Amino acid sequence: MSKYDVAAYIWPAYTPDEPRTRMFWPEGMGEWQSVKNSVRKYEGHSWPRKPLWGYVNEADPYVMEMEIEAAVDHGINTFIYDWYWYDGRPFLENCLNDGFLKAKNKDKMKFFLMWANHDANSLWDIRLSRGQDNVIWRGAVDRAEFERICRRIIGAYFKLPNYYCIDGKPVFMIYDLSNLVTGLGGYDKTAEALGWFEEEARRAGLAGVYYMLTMWSENAMNYSGVDSHSSATGMEVCRKLGLKGMTHYQFVHFAEIDRDYEAVLKDVEAEWKRIEANYRIPYYPHVSVGWDNNPRYLDFRPGVMKGNTPEAVEKAFRMAKDYVDSHPEQAPLITVNSWNEWTETSYLEPDDLYGYGYLEAAGRVFGPQTEKKEKS
């Protein structure tokens, strides 16, 4: 078994089975539409690209069985599913429910949820990419809706044997803390709601909930403005809300990425050190494969990471491995963006540019090990 819990985010939009996706991708193949129709935006641009596995339906258990085998063969042993709740019901959940959880080999991998509770606008619809101010669905929810969400998550996911836990508690990651606090009515009410969620999990026979924060640059400074009646540092908020760990979703959230990948890694290492100096809860190191979201836009979008070859990304994997090795007191978790964020050009899945290069880079660093830490 692996010594490391290497967890890749999954963007669950590569499926035709969620009817509401047709408003963004009318061809009926999910966001594969944007990948398939991508064009070169400038001389030397590395798009268009094609997936070696084809435009597969990732809500198909047979497809996911193949993907699970490819992941575990290269040291990726956990998936983090971006999980959505819009318009009073789940969105894009079928990728997890019908694909991964129905795969015959699903027990080879762990999984957990990241609640992507940001607002939904026209970002996913390339036809409207010249103006994205309109909000389709709000991500903030009130207490009553929060309780419905939590009961669903406990009943549908937390009790599954391959749900990823730390210290025996199912991990639940929150993407947009500001939206959570805004919807629930401030810090105090958010703390009460999260406390209720933990108690509800205990009543269901679980050890509680391991709340993980998705770090953004603003999270690392202060939270003034989230609550009109108070201002607090990030650490004070973590303590008040009972947040137990943190990681990132993407390098672009805190670093200038319109440059060479290895130059970005210097800023990444500095960010890890700064977080460790300012927070007293575990930070789990994060690796992003790259960044270029031009496939989502009609016009050229500045901000394209350069030099993110498999060899360069392997250096980031080794940085994360070294971080875990130097923090034996915490779970050996490393997060990776991502398994399949094709339209942000940050994915491990094989393509016609590097083949299996990114997966092979992960495999060289996190290949099968014999040791397993107890906290994972």
Protein backbone atom coordinates (compact mmCIF):
# COMPACT_ATOMS: atom_id res chain seq x y z
CA MET A 1 0.00 0.00 0.00
CA SER A 2 1.10 3.56 -0.63
CA LYS A 3 2.68 5.62 2.11
CA TYR A 4 1.04 8.74 0.62
CA ASP A 5 -2.58 9.72 0.06
CA VAL A 6 -2.36 11.41 -3.33
CA ALA A 7 -5.75 12.96 -4.05
CA ALA A 8 -6.68 14.35 -7.46
CA TYR A 9 -9.65 16.67 -7.91
CA ILE A 10 -12.34 15.54 -10.34
CA TRP A 11 -14.39 18.06 -12.32
CA PRO A 12 -17.56 15.99 -12.89
CA ALA A 13 -18.75 17.68 -16.09
CA TYR A 14 -17.59 15.16 -18.68
CA THR A 15 -20.90 13.37 -18.89
CA PRO A 16 -24.09 13.79 -20.93
CA ASP A 17 -26.36 12.51 -18.18
CA GLU A 18 -27.10 15.73 -16.23
CA PRO A 19 -29.91 17.56 -18.12
CA ARG A 20 -29.06 21.01 -16.77
CA THR A 21 -25.63 20.91 -18.44
CA ARG A 22 -27.36 21.45 -21.80
CA MET A 23 -27.72 25.16 -21.00
CA PHE A 24 -23.91 25.42 -21.06
CA TRP A 25 -22.95 22.66 -23.52
CA PRO A 26 -25.88 22.02 -25.89
CA GLU A 27 -24.07 19.31 -27.87
CA GLY A 28 -24.89 16.88 -25.06
CA MET A 29 -21.40 15.71 -24.13
CA GLY A 30 -20.77 17.97 -21.14
CA GLU A 31 -17.68 20.16 -21.21
CA TRP A 32 -16.01 17.82 -23.66
CA GLN A 33 -17.75 20.17 -26.10
CA SER A 34 -15.32 22.98 -25.19
CA VAL A 35 -12.34 20.63 -25.36
CA LYS A 36 -13.36 19.23 -28.76
CA ASN A 37 -14.01 22.68 -30.24
CA SER A 38 -10.94 24.42 -28.81
CA VAL A 39 -8.72 26.42 -31.15
CA ARG A 40 -5.20 27.81 -31.14
CA LYS A 41 -5.18 31.36 -29.74
CA TYR A 42 -1.61 32.45 -30.53
CA GLU A 43 1.61 31.27 -32.14
CA GLY A 44 3.00 28.43 -30.07
CA HIS A 45 -0.24 27.80 -28.15
CA SER A 46 -0.47 24.15 -27.10
CA TRP A 47 -4.17 23.93 -27.91
CA PRO A 48 -6.17 22.23 -29.34
CA ARG A 49 -5.48 19.00 -27.46
CA LYS A 50 -7.19 15.63 -27.58
CA PRO A 51 -7.73 13.06 -24.82
CA LEU A 52 -6.09 9.72 -25.59
CA TRP A 53 -9.07 7.93 -24.05
CA GLY A 54 -11.51 9.85 -26.23
CA TYR A 55 -14.46 11.97 -25.15
CA VAL A 56 -15.61 9.36 -22.67
CA ASN A 57 -18.63 9.52 -20.37
CA GLU A 58 -17.17 9.63 -16.87
CA ALA A 59 -20.54 8.73 -15.39
CA ASP A 60 -20.16 5.30 -17.00
CA PRO A 61 -18.85 2.73 -14.47
CA TYR A 62 -16.94 0.87 -17.19
CA VAL A 63 -15.07 4.07 -18.04
CA MET A 64 -14.35 4.73 -14.38
CA GLU A 65 -13.05 1.21 -13.88
CA MET A 66 -10.43 1.93 -16.53
CA GLU A 67 -9.62 5.32 -15.01
CA ILE A 68 -9.33 3.90 -11.49
CA GLU A 69 -6.82 1.31 -12.73
CA ALA A 70 -4.79 4.02 -14.46
CA ALA A 71 -4.84 6.18 -11.33
CA VAL A 72 -3.77 3.55 -8.81
CA ASP A 73 -1.13 2.20 -11.18
CA HIS A 74 0.53 5.62 -11.02
CA GLY A 75 0.25 6.39 -7.31
CA ILE A 76 -3.06 8.33 -7.34
CA ASN A 77 -5.17 6.60 -4.69
CA THR A 78 -7.86 9.17 -3.84
CA PHE A 79 -10.31 11.26 -5.85
CA ILE A 80 -11.72 14.54 -4.57
CA TYR A 81 -15.06 15.12 -6.25
CA ASP A 82 -16.09 18.71 -6.87
CA TRP A 83 -19.62 18.57 -5.45
CA TYR A 84 -22.33 21.07 -6.31
CA TRP A 85 -25.70 22.07 -4.92
CA TYR A 86 -27.67 24.59 -6.94
CA ASP A 87 -31.32 25.53 -7.21
CA GLY A 88 -32.22 23.42 -4.18
CA ARG A 89 -30.73 20.15 -5.48
CA PRO A 90 -27.42 18.53 -6.38
CA PHE A 91 -25.74 19.29 -9.70
CA LEU A 92 -23.29 17.04 -11.61
CA GLU A 93 -23.61 14.40 -8.91
CA ASN A 94 -24.20 11.58 -11.39
CA CYS A 95 -20.51 11.42 -12.28
CA LEU A 96 -19.80 10.24 -8.74
CA ASN A 97 -22.98 8.24 -8.16
CA ASP A 98 -23.26 6.45 -11.50
CA GLY A 99 -19.61 6.33 -12.50
CA PHE A 100 -17.18 5.98 -9.63
CA LEU A 101 -19.49 4.43 -7.02
CA LYS A 102 -20.78 1.80 -9.45
CA ALA A 103 -17.31 0.82 -10.67
CA LYS A 104 -16.44 -2.76 -9.69
CA ASN A 105 -12.96 -1.71 -8.55
CA LYS A 106 -14.03 1.38 -6.59
CA ASP A 107 -12.61 -0.04 -3.35
CA LYS A 108 -9.11 0.38 -4.75
CA MET A 109 -9.50 4.11 -4.19
CA LYS A 110 -10.73 6.47 -1.50
CA PHE A 111 -12.77 9.56 -2.29
CA PHE A 112 -14.11 12.62 -0.53
CA LEU A 113 -16.11 15.73 -1.39
CA MET A 114 -15.15 19.32 -1.94
CA TRP A 115 -18.32 21.41 -1.77
CA ALA A 116 -17.85 23.82 -4.70
CA ASN A 117 -20.25 26.36 -3.22
CA HIS A 118 -19.30 29.28 -5.46
CA ASP A 119 -21.87 31.14 -7.53
CA ALA A 120 -22.50 29.73 -11.02
CA ASN A 121 -22.41 32.23 -13.87
CA SER A 122 -21.78 31.90 -17.62
CA LEU A 123 -18.18 30.73 -17.19
CA TRP A 124 -18.96 27.31 -18.63
CA ASP A 125 -20.77 28.65 -21.71
CA ILE A 126 -18.20 29.77 -24.30
CA ARG A 127 -20.95 31.55 -26.28
CA LEU A 128 -21.29 34.03 -23.40
CA SER A 129 -17.61 34.22 -22.47
CA ARG A 130 -17.31 37.90 -23.39
CA GLY A 131 -19.54 38.81 -20.44
CA GLN A 132 -19.89 36.74 -17.30
CA ASP A 133 -21.52 39.07 -14.81
CA ASN A 134 -24.86 37.25 -14.81
CA VAL A 135 -25.38 34.78 -11.98
CA ILE A 136 -27.36 31.67 -12.87
CA TRP A 137 -27.36 30.05 -9.42
CA ARG A 138 -26.20 31.35 -6.06
CA GLY A 139 -23.83 29.17 -4.07
CA ALA A 140 -24.73 30.58 -0.64
CA VAL A 141 -27.41 28.70 1.30
CA ASP A 142 -29.40 29.43 4.45
CA ARG A 143 -29.51 27.20 7.54
CA ALA A 144 -32.51 25.13 6.44
CA GLU A 145 -30.96 24.31 3.09
CA PHE A 146 -27.57 23.69 4.72
CA GLU A 147 -29.18 21.06 6.93
CA ARG A 148 -30.75 19.33 3.93
CA ILE A 149 -27.36 19.28 2.22
CA CYS A 150 -25.62 17.83 5.27
CA ARG A 151 -28.19 15.09 5.78
CA ARG A 152 -27.84 14.09 2.15
CA ILE A 153 -24.06 13.96 2.37
CA ILE A 154 -24.08 11.89 5.55
CA GLY A 155 -26.63 9.45 4.17
CA ALA A 156 -25.23 9.11 0.67
CA TYR A 157 -21.46 9.31 1.18
CA PHE A 158 -19.93 9.59 4.65
CA LYS A 159 -20.77 6.03 5.66
CA LEU A 160 -19.28 4.41 2.57
CA PRO A 161 -16.23 2.25 3.36
CA ASN A 162 -14.00 4.02 0.84
CA TYR A 163 -14.85 7.55 1.99
CA TYR A 164 -11.56 9.21 2.99
CA CYS A 165 -11.15 10.01 6.69
CA ILE A 166 -8.56 11.73 8.83
CA ASP A 167 -8.47 10.79 12.51
CA GLY A 168 -11.48 8.60 11.80
CA LYS A 169 -13.58 11.56 10.62
CA PRO A 170 -14.91 11.91 7.07
CA VAL A 171 -13.17 14.80 5.31
CA PHE A 172 -15.44 17.54 3.98
CA MET A 173 -13.76 20.33 2.08
CA ILE A 174 -15.34 23.80 1.69
CA TYR A 175 -14.35 25.77 -1.41
CA ASP A 176 -15.87 29.19 -0.77
CA LEU A 177 -15.81 30.04 2.93
CA SER A 178 -17.06 33.56 2.29
CA ASN A 179 -20.19 32.23 0.57
CA LEU A 180 -20.77 29.77 3.41
CA VAL A 181 -20.55 32.49 6.06
CA THR A 182 -22.66 34.91 4.04
CA GLY A 183 -25.44 32.39 3.48
CA LEU A 184 -25.54 31.23 7.08
CA GLY A 185 -25.55 34.76 8.47
CA GLY A 186 -22.11 35.44 9.92
CA TYR A 187 -19.35 33.73 11.87
CA ASP A 188 -21.37 32.82 14.95
CA LYS A 189 -24.21 31.26 13.02
CA THR A 190 -21.77 29.44 10.75
CA ALA A 191 -19.99 28.00 13.78
CA GLU A 192 -23.36 26.84 15.14
CA ALA A 193 -24.27 25.23 11.80
CA LEU A 194 -20.95 23.42 11.47
CA GLY A 195 -21.26 22.25 15.06
CA TRP A 196 -24.73 20.90 14.26
CA PHE A 197 -23.32 19.06 11.23
CA GLU A 198 -20.70 17.36 13.42
CA GLU A 199 -23.34 16.31 15.94
CA GLU A 200 -25.54 15.01 13.14
CA ALA A 201 -22.61 12.93 11.89
CA ARG A 202 -22.05 11.55 15.39
CA ARG A 203 -25.72 10.66 15.69
CA ALA A 204 -25.24 8.67 12.48
CA GLY A 205 -22.46 6.67 14.13
CA LEU A 206 -19.50 8.62 12.74
CA ALA A 207 -16.65 10.22 14.66
CA GLY A 208 -17.58 13.73 13.53
CA VAL A 209 -16.51 15.75 10.47
CA TYR A 210 -13.01 16.79 9.45
CA TYR A 211 -13.56 20.25 7.96
CA MET A 212 -10.95 21.22 5.40
CA LEU A 213 -10.60 24.76 4.05
CA THR A 214 -9.79 25.52 0.44
CA MET A 215 -7.19 28.26 0.73
CA TRP A 216 -7.32 31.38 -1.44
CA SER A 217 -5.02 34.37 -1.21
CA GLU A 218 -7.66 36.28 0.78
CA ASN A 219 -8.07 33.37 3.19
CA ALA A 220 -4.43 33.72 4.13
CA MET A 221 -4.80 37.36 5.15
CA ASN A 222 -8.04 38.26 6.88
CA TYR A 223 -11.78 37.83 6.69
CA SER A 224 -12.98 41.37 7.17
CA GLY A 225 -15.92 41.95 4.89
CA VAL A 226 -17.26 38.41 5.18
CA ASP A 227 -19.20 39.44 8.26
CA SER A 228 -20.32 43.05 8.49
CA HIS A 229 -20.12 42.98 12.29
CA SER A 230 -16.64 41.66 12.80
CA SER A 231 -13.16 41.33 11.44
CA ALA A 232 -10.90 38.39 12.22
CA THR A 233 -7.64 36.90 11.11
CA GLY A 234 -7.62 33.66 9.19
CA MET A 235 -6.41 31.69 12.19
CA GLU A 236 -9.11 33.16 14.42
CA VAL A 237 -11.73 32.14 11.87
CA CYS A 238 -10.29 28.63 11.62
CA ARG A 239 -10.47 28.25 15.39
CA LYS A 240 -13.97 29.71 15.68
CA LEU A 241 -15.42 27.52 12.93
CA GLY A 242 -13.61 24.35 13.95
CA LEU A 243 -11.68 24.01 10.70
CA LYS A 244 -9.17 21.20 11.08
CA GLY A 245 -7.00 21.38 7.96
CA MET A 246 -6.38 23.28 4.74
CA THR A 247 -5.05 22.88 1.23
CA HIS A 248 -5.27 24.69 -2.11
CA TYR A 249 -7.28 24.02 -5.23
CA GLN A 250 -5.05 25.77 -7.77
CA PHE A 251 -1.74 27.65 -7.91
CA VAL A 252 -3.55 30.45 -9.76
CA HIS A 253 -5.42 31.29 -6.55
CA PHE A 254 -2.28 32.67 -4.92
CA ALA A 255 0.55 32.90 -7.48
CA GLU A 256 1.23 34.78 -10.70
CA ILE A 257 1.11 31.94 -13.19
CA ASP A 258 1.83 33.71 -16.50
CA ARG A 259 5.44 32.50 -16.44
CA ASP A 260 7.57 29.40 -16.24
CA TYR A 261 6.35 26.54 -14.04
CA GLU A 262 9.58 26.16 -12.11
CA ALA A 263 9.59 29.87 -11.28
CA VAL A 264 6.05 29.47 -9.94
CA LEU A 265 7.25 26.60 -7.74
CA LYS A 266 9.49 29.00 -5.83
CA ASP A 267 6.40 31.02 -4.89
CA VAL A 268 4.56 27.82 -4.02
CA GLU A 269 7.27 26.78 -1.61
CA ALA A 270 7.23 30.26 -0.05
CA GLU A 271 3.43 30.06 0.32
CA TRP A 272 3.67 26.72 2.12
CA LYS A 273 6.21 28.19 4.55
CA ARG A 274 4.11 31.32 5.13
CA ILE A 275 1.00 29.27 5.87
CA GLU A 276 2.91 27.07 8.28
CA ALA A 277 4.22 30.15 10.09
CA ASN A 278 0.79 31.75 10.42
CA TYR A 279 -1.60 28.86 11.03
CA ARG A 280 -1.72 26.19 13.68
CA ILE A 281 -3.74 23.62 11.81
CA PRO A 282 -2.29 21.17 9.28
CA TYR A 283 -1.60 22.33 5.75
CA TYR A 284 -1.71 19.58 3.15
CA PRO A 285 0.59 20.38 0.22
CA HIS A 286 -0.97 21.03 -3.15
CA VAL A 287 0.35 20.51 -6.69
CA SER A 288 -1.23 22.06 -9.78
CA VAL A 289 -0.30 20.56 -13.14
CA GLY A 290 -0.69 23.83 -15.04
CA TRP A 291 -3.04 26.65 -16.02
CA ASP A 292 -4.56 27.89 -19.28
CA ASN A 293 -8.33 28.39 -19.40
CA ASN A 294 -8.47 29.61 -23.00
CA PRO A 295 -10.64 26.65 -24.10
CA ARG A 296 -13.49 28.32 -22.19
CA TYR A 297 -13.21 31.64 -24.06
CA LEU A 298 -13.86 32.94 -27.55
CA ASP A 299 -11.06 35.50 -27.26
CA PHE A 300 -7.52 35.07 -25.95
CA ARG A 301 -7.40 34.95 -22.17
CA PRO A 302 -4.08 36.12 -20.65
CA GLY A 303 -2.47 34.04 -17.94
CA VAL A 304 -0.93 30.91 -19.41
CA MET A 305 1.54 28.80 -17.46
CA LYS A 306 4.64 27.88 -19.44
CA GLY A 307 7.09 25.01 -19.16
CA ASN A 308 4.76 22.71 -17.20
CA THR A 309 6.20 19.58 -18.74
CA PRO A 310 5.85 16.24 -16.97
CA GLU A 311 9.47 16.59 -15.84
CA ALA A 312 8.75 19.99 -14.27
CA VAL A 313 5.57 18.75 -12.58
CA GLU A 314 7.53 15.80 -11.20
CA LYS A 315 9.63 18.36 -9.29
CA ALA A 316 6.43 19.69 -7.71
CA PHE A 317 5.40 16.17 -6.74
CA ARG A 318 8.77 15.67 -5.05
CA MET A 319 8.36 18.98 -3.19
CA ALA A 320 5.00 17.79 -1.87
CA LYS A 321 6.42 14.39 -0.94
CA ASP A 322 9.24 16.04 0.99
CA TYR A 323 6.71 18.25 2.80
CA VAL A 324 4.71 15.21 3.88
CA ASP A 325 7.88 13.42 5.00
CA SER A 326 8.82 16.42 7.14
CA HIS A 327 5.36 16.49 8.82
CA PRO A 328 4.90 12.95 10.17
CA GLU A 329 2.40 14.17 12.77
CA GLN A 330 -0.29 14.82 10.14
CA ALA A 331 -2.07 12.71 7.55
CA PRO A 332 0.10 12.03 4.47
CA LEU A 333 -2.31 13.84 2.16
CA ILE A 334 -1.30 15.64 -1.03
CA THR A 335 -3.89 17.29 -3.28
CA VAL A 336 -3.47 17.56 -7.05
CA ASN A 337 -5.23 19.77 -9.56
CA SER A 338 -6.39 17.74 -11.19
CA TRP A 339 -7.51 14.48 -12.70
CA ASN A 340 -9.47 16.09 -15.52
CA GLU A 341 -9.65 19.91 -15.53
CA TRP A 342 -9.09 19.95 -19.30
CA THR A 343 -10.46 23.44 -19.99
CA GLU A 344 -8.11 24.86 -17.35
CA THR A 345 -5.19 22.80 -18.77
CA SER A 346 -4.39 21.20 -15.44
CA TYR A 347 -4.99 17.46 -15.70
CA LEU A 348 -3.33 14.10 -15.27
CA GLU A 349 -5.38 12.24 -17.86
CA PRO A 350 -3.33 11.27 -20.95
CA ASP A 351 -3.46 13.49 -24.04
CA ASP A 352 -1.94 13.78 -27.50
CA LEU A 353 0.76 16.19 -26.28
CA TYR A 354 2.49 14.33 -23.46
CA GLY A 355 0.77 10.96 -23.60
CA TYR A 356 0.85 9.40 -20.14
CA GLY A 357 3.64 11.77 -19.11
CA TYR A 358 1.95 13.40 -16.11
CA LEU A 359 0.71 10.08 -14.75
CA GLU A 360 4.14 8.57 -15.21
CA ALA A 361 5.68 11.52 -13.34
CA ALA A 362 3.32 10.87 -10.43
CA GLY A 363 4.12 7.18 -10.57
CA ARG A 364 7.86 7.81 -10.33
CA VAL A 365 7.32 9.78 -7.13
CA PHE A 366 4.36 7.99 -5.51
CA GLY A 367 4.66 4.47 -6.85
CA PRO A 368 3.66 1.52 -4.63
CA GLN A 369 5.13 1.72 -1.14
CA THR A 370 5.03 -0.70 1.77
CA GLU A 371 4.39 1.73 4.60
CA LYS A 372 1.04 3.24 5.53
CA LYS A 373 0.48 5.98 8.09
CA GLU A 374 -2.33 5.42 10.57
CA LYS A 375 -3.96 8.84 10.23
CA SER A 376 -5.12 8.39 6.64
